Amino acid sequence: TLDIADNPIAPDAWRAFRAADPAMRLRRLDVSGTPLAGISLEPLLDSRSLEALTALEMNRCGSARKNLEVLAASGYWTRATELRAHSGTIPASTLEPLCRSAGPPALRLLDLGDNYLRREGVELLCDAAWAESLTFLTLSANYLDDEAVELLARSGRFTELRTLHLSFNNTLDRGDHLVITDRG
């Protein structure tokens, strides 16, 4: 396990992972708030030292369009058990590469809190082939409403889910019609 989150790491720090001792095989990595979670994600995930990686935290990575495409195409995504991409300014449209992929059959934890998923992002999650394996899902602060919550419940895809975080969806500045109420 390596946690290097929120350090002033240079974008080319992925080279250190490529040059690491061949015996180093990380299973968990937190690169949140660093360029490694953003513009350097692709060469980082291609590093031999991450060939056994199953848990990745890339919180606060900024605009994630390219990042989620990179994740979907990576070896990590085929074996992932945990992905945390909290506060990444991820809009629903950027989820498509992850949700359309065969994905990780063993993904248990997905944290997409504090992004911009809206109902459209929930629809993509409901259609994801790997959704059925989730036991922990965070969709807090994502501009969700009753319809989004109903989609989750009606989809029948989240039968293994034991923890669902939907907090702070009603506290966002977006009008009365986009809230989670008793109906949701």
C-alpha atoms as a PDB file:
ATOM      1  CA  THR A   1       0.000   0.000   0.000  1.00  0.00           C
ATOM      2  CA  LEU A   2       1.259   3.462  -0.887  1.00  0.00           C
ATOM      3  CA  ASP A   3      -0.454   6.756  -0.069  1.00  0.00           C
ATOM      4  CA  ILE A   4       1.157   9.812  -1.671  1.00  0.00           C
ATOM      5  CA  ALA A   5      -1.986  11.937  -1.827  1.00  0.00           C
ATOM      6  CA  ASP A   6      -1.847  15.725  -1.752  1.00  0.00           C
ATOM      7  CA  ASN A   7       1.915  16.054  -2.119  1.00  0.00           C
ATOM      8  CA  PRO A   8       3.667  18.364  -4.600  1.00  0.00           C
ATOM      9  CA  ILE A   9       4.540  15.511  -6.949  1.00  0.00           C
ATOM     10  CA  ALA A  10       5.711  16.334 -10.475  1.00  0.00           C
ATOM     11  CA  PRO A  11       3.674  15.069 -13.445  1.00  0.00           C
ATOM     12  CA  ASP A  12       6.596  12.858 -14.551  1.00  0.00           C
ATOM     13  CA  ALA A  13       6.743  11.038 -11.194  1.00  0.00           C
ATOM     14  CA  TRP A  14       5.239   8.019 -12.969  1.00  0.00           C
ATOM     15  CA  ARG A  15       8.821   7.318 -14.094  1.00  0.00           C
ATOM     16  CA  ALA A  16       9.687   6.344 -10.513  1.00  0.00           C
ATOM     17  CA  PHE A  17       7.007   3.645 -10.643  1.00  0.00           C
ATOM     18  CA  ARG A  18       8.440   2.328 -13.888  1.00  0.00           C
ATOM     19  CA  ALA A  19      11.960   2.296 -12.418  1.00  0.00           C
ATOM     20  CA  ALA A  20      10.913   0.702  -9.122  1.00  0.00           C
ATOM     21  CA  ASP A  21      12.410  -2.550  -7.904  1.00  0.00           C
ATOM     22  CA  PRO A  22      10.791  -5.406  -9.867  1.00  0.00           C
ATOM     23  CA  ALA A  23       9.718  -6.986  -6.582  1.00  0.00           C
ATOM     24  CA  MET A  24       7.509  -4.001  -5.707  1.00  0.00           C
ATOM     25  CA  ARG A  25       3.933  -4.871  -6.511  1.00  0.00           C
ATOM     26  CA  LEU A  26       1.427  -2.417  -5.089  1.00  0.00           C
ATOM     27  CA  ARG A  27      -2.118  -3.581  -4.433  1.00  0.00           C
ATOM     28  CA  ARG A  28      -3.405  -0.217  -3.123  1.00  0.00           C
ATOM     29  CA  LEU A  29      -2.421   3.255  -4.279  1.00  0.00           C
ATOM     30  CA  ASP A  30      -3.678   6.717  -3.362  1.00  0.00           C
ATOM     31  CA  VAL A  31      -2.572   9.468  -5.756  1.00  0.00           C
ATOM     32  CA  SER A  32      -5.408  11.855  -4.898  1.00  0.00           C
ATOM     33  CA  GLY A  33      -4.732  15.528  -5.472  1.00  0.00           C
ATOM     34  CA  THR A  34      -1.593  14.919  -7.532  1.00  0.00           C
ATOM     35  CA  PRO A  35      -0.859  15.088 -11.276  1.00  0.00           C
ATOM     36  CA  LEU A  36      -0.561  11.290 -11.133  1.00  0.00           C
ATOM     37  CA  ALA A  37      -4.335  11.196 -10.634  1.00  0.00           C
ATOM     38  CA  GLY A  38      -4.810  13.469 -13.619  1.00  0.00           C
ATOM     39  CA  ILE A  39      -2.566  14.106 -16.569  1.00  0.00           C
ATOM     40  CA  SER A  40      -0.129  11.270 -15.751  1.00  0.00           C
ATOM     41  CA  LEU A  41      -2.603   8.485 -15.040  1.00  0.00           C
ATOM     42  CA  GLU A  42      -2.007   6.520 -18.245  1.00  0.00           C
ATOM     43  CA  PRO A  43       1.762   6.037 -17.926  1.00  0.00           C
ATOM     44  CA  LEU A  44       1.331   5.445 -14.195  1.00  0.00           C
ATOM     45  CA  LEU A  45      -1.142   2.579 -14.685  1.00  0.00           C
ATOM     46  CA  ASP A  46       1.147   1.058 -17.336  1.00  0.00           C
ATOM     47  CA  SER A  47       3.903   0.616 -14.759  1.00  0.00           C
ATOM     48  CA  ARG A  48       5.011  -2.914 -13.883  1.00  0.00           C
ATOM     49  CA  SER A  49       4.890  -2.029 -10.190  1.00  0.00           C
ATOM     50  CA  LEU A  50       1.105  -1.628 -10.535  1.00  0.00           C
ATOM     51  CA  GLU A  51       0.396  -4.934 -12.271  1.00  0.00           C
ATOM     52  CA  ALA A  52      -1.244  -6.252  -9.087  1.00  0.00           C
ATOM     53  CA  LEU A  53      -3.101  -3.017  -8.240  1.00  0.00           C
ATOM     54  CA  THR A  54      -6.700  -3.639  -7.151  1.00  0.00           C
ATOM     55  CA  ALA A  55      -7.527  -0.487  -5.146  1.00  0.00           C
ATOM     56  CA  LEU A  56      -7.014   3.021  -6.517  1.00  0.00           C
ATOM     57  CA  GLU A  57      -7.822   6.397  -5.011  1.00  0.00           C
ATOM     58  CA  MET A  58      -7.744   9.281  -7.444  1.00  0.00           C
ATOM     59  CA  ASN A  59      -9.826  11.848  -5.619  1.00  0.00           C
ATOM     60  CA  ARG A  60      -9.745  15.511  -6.597  1.00  0.00           C
ATOM     61  CA  CYS A  61      -8.283  14.671  -9.997  1.00  0.00           C
ATOM     62  CA  GLY A  62      -9.933  17.525 -11.878  1.00  0.00           C
ATOM     63  CA  SER A  63     -11.709  17.077 -15.180  1.00  0.00           C
ATOM     64  CA  ALA A  64     -11.873  13.354 -15.664  1.00  0.00           C
ATOM     65  CA  ARG A  65     -12.878  12.719 -19.279  1.00  0.00           C
ATOM     66  CA  LYS A  66      -9.524  11.332 -20.354  1.00  0.00           C
ATOM     67  CA  ASN A  67      -8.920   9.706 -16.951  1.00  0.00           C
ATOM     68  CA  LEU A  68     -11.988   7.492 -17.121  1.00  0.00           C
ATOM     69  CA  GLU A  69     -11.119   6.453 -20.681  1.00  0.00           C
ATOM     70  CA  VAL A  70      -7.628   5.565 -19.444  1.00  0.00           C
ATOM     71  CA  LEU A  71      -9.074   3.601 -16.511  1.00  0.00           C
ATOM     72  CA  ALA A  72     -11.476   1.666 -18.741  1.00  0.00           C
ATOM     73  CA  ALA A  73      -8.608   0.594 -21.024  1.00  0.00           C
ATOM     74  CA  SER A  74      -6.181  -0.284 -18.228  1.00  0.00           C
ATOM     75  CA  GLY A  75      -5.263  -3.651 -16.782  1.00  0.00           C
ATOM     76  CA  TYR A  76      -6.157  -2.236 -13.386  1.00  0.00           C
ATOM     77  CA  TRP A  77      -9.816  -1.935 -14.396  1.00  0.00           C
ATOM     78  CA  THR A  78     -10.068  -5.650 -15.199  1.00  0.00           C
ATOM     79  CA  ARG A  79      -8.990  -6.625 -11.659  1.00  0.00           C
ATOM     80  CA  ALA A  80     -10.209  -3.639  -9.608  1.00  0.00           C
ATOM     81  CA  THR A  81     -11.953  -4.223  -6.308  1.00  0.00           C
ATOM     82  CA  GLU A  82     -12.032  -0.551  -5.230  1.00  0.00           C
ATOM     83  CA  LEU A  83     -12.124   2.770  -7.049  1.00  0.00           C
ATOM     84  CA  ARG A  84     -12.415   6.107  -5.328  1.00  0.00           C
ATOM     85  CA  ALA A  85     -12.816   9.129  -7.601  1.00  0.00           C
ATOM     86  CA  HIS A  86     -14.382  11.506  -5.110  1.00  0.00           C
ATOM     87  CA  SER A  87     -14.559  15.235  -5.921  1.00  0.00           C
ATOM     88  CA  GLY A  88     -13.275  14.758  -9.447  1.00  0.00           C
ATOM     89  CA  THR A  89     -15.683  17.081 -11.283  1.00  0.00           C
ATOM     90  CA  ILE A  90     -16.871  14.012 -13.194  1.00  0.00           C
ATOM     91  CA  PRO A  91     -19.963  14.687 -15.325  1.00  0.00           C
ATOM     92  CA  ALA A  92     -22.250  11.828 -16.368  1.00  0.00           C
ATOM     93  CA  SER A  93     -20.960  11.773 -19.936  1.00  0.00           C
ATOM     94  CA  THR A  94     -17.434  10.875 -18.843  1.00  0.00           C
ATOM     95  CA  LEU A  95     -18.655   7.723 -17.067  1.00  0.00           C
ATOM     96  CA  GLU A  96     -19.546   6.058 -20.339  1.00  0.00           C
ATOM     97  CA  PRO A  97     -16.162   4.371 -21.018  1.00  0.00           C
ATOM     98  CA  LEU A  98     -16.186   2.749 -17.570  1.00  0.00           C
ATOM     99  CA  CYS A  99     -19.830   1.761 -17.673  1.00  0.00           C
ATOM    100  CA  ARG A 100     -19.719   0.368 -21.210  1.00  0.00           C
ATOM    101  CA  SER A 101     -16.647  -1.773 -20.491  1.00  0.00           C
ATOM    102  CA  ALA A 102     -16.892  -5.382 -19.319  1.00  0.00           C
ATOM    103  CA  GLY A 103     -15.144  -3.993 -16.280  1.00  0.00           C
ATOM    104  CA  PRO A 104     -13.973  -5.675 -13.135  1.00  0.00           C
ATOM    105  CA  PRO A 105     -16.061  -8.669 -12.059  1.00  0.00           C
ATOM    106  CA  ALA A 106     -14.869  -8.196  -8.469  1.00  0.00           C
ATOM    107  CA  LEU A 107     -15.475  -4.449  -8.032  1.00  0.00           C
ATOM    108  CA  ARG A 108     -16.904  -4.025  -4.547  1.00  0.00           C
ATOM    109  CA  LEU A 109     -16.379  -0.359  -3.689  1.00  0.00           C
ATOM    110  CA  LEU A 110     -17.116   2.603  -5.945  1.00  0.00           C
ATOM    111  CA  ASP A 111     -16.903   6.140  -4.572  1.00  0.00           C
ATOM    112  CA  LEU A 112     -18.074   8.768  -7.038  1.00  0.00           C
ATOM    113  CA  GLY A 113     -19.190  11.262  -4.420  1.00  0.00           C
ATOM    114  CA  ASP A 114     -19.116  15.001  -5.010  1.00  0.00           C
ATOM    115  CA  ASN A 115     -19.223  14.935  -8.790  1.00  0.00           C
ATOM    116  CA  TYR A 116     -21.856  15.822 -11.397  1.00  0.00           C
ATOM    117  CA  LEU A 117     -23.438  12.472 -12.245  1.00  0.00           C
ATOM    118  CA  ARG A 118     -27.076  13.517 -12.153  1.00  0.00           C
ATOM    119  CA  ARG A 119     -29.785  11.056 -13.240  1.00  0.00           C
ATOM    120  CA  GLU A 120     -27.943  10.357 -16.505  1.00  0.00           C
ATOM    121  CA  GLY A 121     -24.916   9.040 -14.620  1.00  0.00           C
ATOM    122  CA  VAL A 122     -27.110   6.794 -12.492  1.00  0.00           C
ATOM    123  CA  GLU A 123     -28.620   5.352 -15.681  1.00  0.00           C
ATOM    124  CA  LEU A 124     -25.124   4.507 -16.928  1.00  0.00           C
ATOM    125  CA  LEU A 125     -24.236   2.869 -13.606  1.00  0.00           C
ATOM    126  CA  CYS A 126     -27.427   0.808 -13.692  1.00  0.00           C
ATOM    127  CA  ASP A 127     -26.464  -0.526 -17.139  1.00  0.00           C
ATOM    128  CA  ALA A 128     -22.841  -1.330 -16.229  1.00  0.00           C
ATOM    129  CA  ALA A 129     -22.008  -5.043 -16.494  1.00  0.00           C
ATOM    130  CA  TRP A 130     -20.028  -4.872 -13.252  1.00  0.00           C
ATOM    131  CA  ALA A 131     -22.711  -3.096 -11.163  1.00  0.00           C
ATOM    132  CA  GLU A 132     -24.006  -6.328  -9.658  1.00  0.00           C
ATOM    133  CA  SER A 133     -20.803  -6.947  -7.695  1.00  0.00           C
ATOM    134  CA  LEU A 134     -20.883  -3.624  -5.796  1.00  0.00           C
ATOM    135  CA  THR A 135     -21.328  -3.781  -2.043  1.00  0.00           C
ATOM    136  CA  PHE A 136     -20.446  -0.114  -1.316  1.00  0.00           C
ATOM    137  CA  LEU A 137     -21.525   2.832  -3.479  1.00  0.00           C
ATOM    138  CA  THR A 138     -21.111   6.533  -2.784  1.00  0.00           C
ATOM    139  CA  LEU A 139     -23.161   8.950  -4.877  1.00  0.00           C
ATOM    140  CA  SER A 140     -23.261  11.814  -2.382  1.00  0.00           C
ATOM    141  CA  ALA A 141     -23.423  15.377  -3.703  1.00  0.00           C
ATOM    142  CA  ASN A 142     -24.144  14.394  -7.300  1.00  0.00           C
ATOM    143  CA  TYR A 143     -27.249  16.423  -8.147  1.00  0.00           C
ATOM    144  CA  LEU A 144     -29.529  13.406  -7.763  1.00  0.00           C
ATOM    145  CA  ASP A 145     -33.288  13.436  -7.403  1.00  0.00           C
ATOM    146  CA  ASP A 146     -36.115  10.998  -6.654  1.00  0.00           C
ATOM    147  CA  GLU A 147     -36.016   9.631 -10.193  1.00  0.00           C
ATOM    148  CA  ALA A 148     -32.320   8.805  -9.911  1.00  0.00           C
ATOM    149  CA  VAL A 149     -32.885   6.922  -6.648  1.00  0.00           C
ATOM    150  CA  GLU A 150     -35.846   5.081  -8.157  1.00  0.00           C
ATOM    151  CA  LEU A 151     -33.642   4.046 -11.087  1.00  0.00           C
ATOM    152  CA  LEU A 152     -31.173   2.493  -8.661  1.00  0.00           C
ATOM    153  CA  ALA A 153     -33.916   0.625  -6.830  1.00  0.00           C
ATOM    154  CA  ARG A 154     -35.805  -0.559  -9.920  1.00  0.00           C
ATOM    155  CA  SER A 155     -32.745  -1.670 -11.844  1.00  0.00           C
ATOM    156  CA  GLY A 156     -32.360  -4.857  -9.820  1.00  0.00           C
ATOM    157  CA  ARG A 157     -28.585  -4.603 -10.391  1.00  0.00           C
ATOM    158  CA  PHE A 158     -27.510  -3.735  -6.855  1.00  0.00           C
ATOM    159  CA  THR A 159     -28.585  -6.833  -4.946  1.00  0.00           C
ATOM    160  CA  GLU A 160     -25.178  -7.137  -3.228  1.00  0.00           C
ATOM    161  CA  LEU A 161     -25.144  -3.489  -2.138  1.00  0.00           C
ATOM    162  CA  ARG A 162     -24.780  -3.114   1.622  1.00  0.00           C
ATOM    163  CA  THR A 163     -23.813   0.573   1.844  1.00  0.00           C
ATOM    164  CA  LEU A 164     -25.268   3.392  -0.234  1.00  0.00           C
ATOM    165  CA  HIS A 165     -24.317   7.006   0.414  1.00  0.00           C
ATOM    166  CA  LEU A 166     -26.731   9.596  -0.996  1.00  0.00           C
ATOM    167  CA  SER A 167     -26.008  12.464   1.378  1.00  0.00           C
ATOM    168  CA  PHE A 168     -25.862  16.128   0.386  1.00  0.00           C
ATOM    169  CA  ASN A 169     -27.888  15.753  -2.791  1.00  0.00           C
ATOM    170  CA  ASN A 170     -30.575  18.079  -1.404  1.00  0.00           C
ATOM    171  CA  THR A 171     -28.210  20.761  -0.171  1.00  0.00           C
ATOM    172  CA  LEU A 172     -26.893  21.713  -3.580  1.00  0.00           C
ATOM    173  CA  ASP A 173     -28.040  24.944  -5.195  1.00  0.00           C
ATOM    174  CA  ARG A 174     -30.288  23.637  -7.951  1.00  0.00           C
ATOM    175  CA  GLY A 175     -33.923  24.340  -7.259  1.00  0.00           C
ATOM    176  CA  ASP A 176     -36.751  22.498  -5.544  1.00  0.00           C
ATOM    177  CA  HIS A 177     -37.505  20.079  -8.347  1.00  0.00           C
ATOM    178  CA  LEU A 178     -34.184  18.217  -8.033  1.00  0.00           C
ATOM    179  CA  VAL A 179     -34.290  16.741  -4.545  1.00  0.00           C
ATOM    180  CA  ILE A 180     -34.472  13.370  -2.863  1.00  0.00           C
ATOM    181  CA  THR A 181     -37.719  13.158  -0.887  1.00  0.00           C
ATOM    182  CA  ASP A 182     -39.709  10.381   0.790  1.00  0.00           C
ATOM    183  CA  ARG A 183     -40.577   9.073  -2.677  1.00  0.00           C
ATOM    184  CA  GLY A 184     -36.905   8.467  -3.445  1.00  0.00           C
END
